Amino acid sequence: MSDPQLTNLIKMIDQIIANNLHHGDDDQVTDVAAGHLQKFWARSMKQQVIAYANSEGADLSPLAQKTIAKLQAVS
């Protein structure tokens, strides 16, 4: 992946997930993370990570993939 903006978005998702690990199991963590992205990220940011997850997604952690799937379901 050579897109610096996408790289930054992926790092941000991982940080949001890491900051919410105290919420419990993976489902709860990814619910909170997806809610954060839905509320606070610009539409273009959400579209970019969703497109990446749907096309390649190789650099996404399993929790990031699950978060983006939940985001996509509500977007």
Protein backbone atom coordinates (compact mmCIF):
# COMPACT_ATOMS: atom_id res chain seq x y z
CA MET A 1 0.00 0.00 0.00
CA SER A 2 1.51 3.29 -1.05
CA ASP A 3 -1.26 5.75 -0.20
CA PRO A 4 -0.09 7.74 2.86
CA GLN A 5 -3.62 8.91 3.68
CA LEU A 6 -4.93 5.34 3.71
CA THR A 7 -1.97 4.24 5.82
CA ASN A 8 -2.83 6.97 8.32
CA LEU A 9 -6.50 5.96 8.40
CA ILE A 10 -5.57 2.35 9.14
CA LYS A 11 -3.28 3.49 11.97
CA MET A 12 -6.11 5.62 13.34
CA ILE A 13 -8.52 2.67 13.30
CA ASP A 14 -5.97 0.53 15.14
CA GLN A 15 -5.52 3.28 17.75
CA ILE A 16 -9.27 3.64 18.24
CA ILE A 17 -9.54 -0.11 18.72
CA ALA A 18 -6.59 -0.15 21.15
CA ASN A 19 -8.13 2.69 23.16
CA ASN A 20 -11.37 0.73 23.53
CA LEU A 21 -10.10 -2.74 24.40
CA HIS A 22 -11.37 -2.21 27.94
CA HIS A 23 -14.95 -2.52 26.69
CA GLY A 24 -14.71 -6.29 26.75
CA ASP A 25 -14.89 -8.83 23.99
CA ASP A 26 -14.14 -8.26 20.31
CA ASP A 27 -17.80 -7.61 19.44
CA GLN A 28 -18.12 -4.84 22.00
CA VAL A 29 -14.79 -3.29 21.04
CA THR A 30 -15.63 -3.26 17.33
CA ASP A 31 -19.13 -1.90 18.03
CA VAL A 32 -17.63 1.05 19.89
CA ALA A 33 -14.93 1.59 17.25
CA ALA A 34 -17.43 1.46 14.38
CA GLY A 35 -19.68 3.89 16.24
CA HIS A 36 -16.76 6.27 16.66
CA LEU A 37 -15.93 6.13 12.94
CA GLN A 38 -19.58 6.65 12.03
CA LYS A 39 -19.90 9.71 14.27
CA PHE A 40 -16.57 11.44 13.81
CA TRP A 41 -15.03 10.49 10.48
CA ALA A 42 -15.76 12.36 7.27
CA ARG A 43 -17.70 10.45 4.66
CA SER A 44 -14.65 10.40 2.38
CA MET A 45 -12.54 8.77 5.10
CA LYS A 46 -15.16 6.08 5.69
CA GLN A 47 -15.54 5.44 1.97
CA GLN A 48 -11.80 5.10 1.53
CA VAL A 49 -11.34 2.45 4.25
CA ILE A 50 -14.47 0.57 3.18
CA ALA A 51 -13.26 0.47 -0.43
CA TYR A 52 -9.85 -0.74 0.72
CA ALA A 53 -11.38 -3.44 2.92
CA ASN A 54 -13.57 -4.62 0.05
CA SER A 55 -10.77 -4.70 -2.50
CA GLU A 56 -7.59 -5.79 -0.76
CA GLY A 57 -7.55 -5.13 2.96
CA ALA A 58 -4.21 -6.88 3.46
CA ASP A 59 -2.96 -4.32 5.99
CA LEU A 60 -6.06 -4.48 8.18
CA SER A 61 -5.96 -6.34 11.47
CA PRO A 62 -8.80 -8.78 12.13
CA LEU A 63 -10.41 -6.28 14.53
CA ALA A 64 -10.07 -3.48 11.98
CA GLN A 65 -11.72 -5.69 9.35
CA LYS A 66 -14.59 -6.44 11.73
CA THR A 67 -14.93 -2.75 12.63
CA ILE A 68 -15.07 -1.73 8.98
CA ALA A 69 -17.64 -4.44 8.21
CA LYS A 70 -19.85 -3.03 10.98
CA LEU A 71 -19.27 0.50 9.70
CA GLN A 72 -20.27 -0.56 6.22
CA ALA A 73 -23.46 -2.14 7.54
CA VAL A 74 -24.62 1.19 9.01
CA SER A 75 -23.29 3.52 6.31
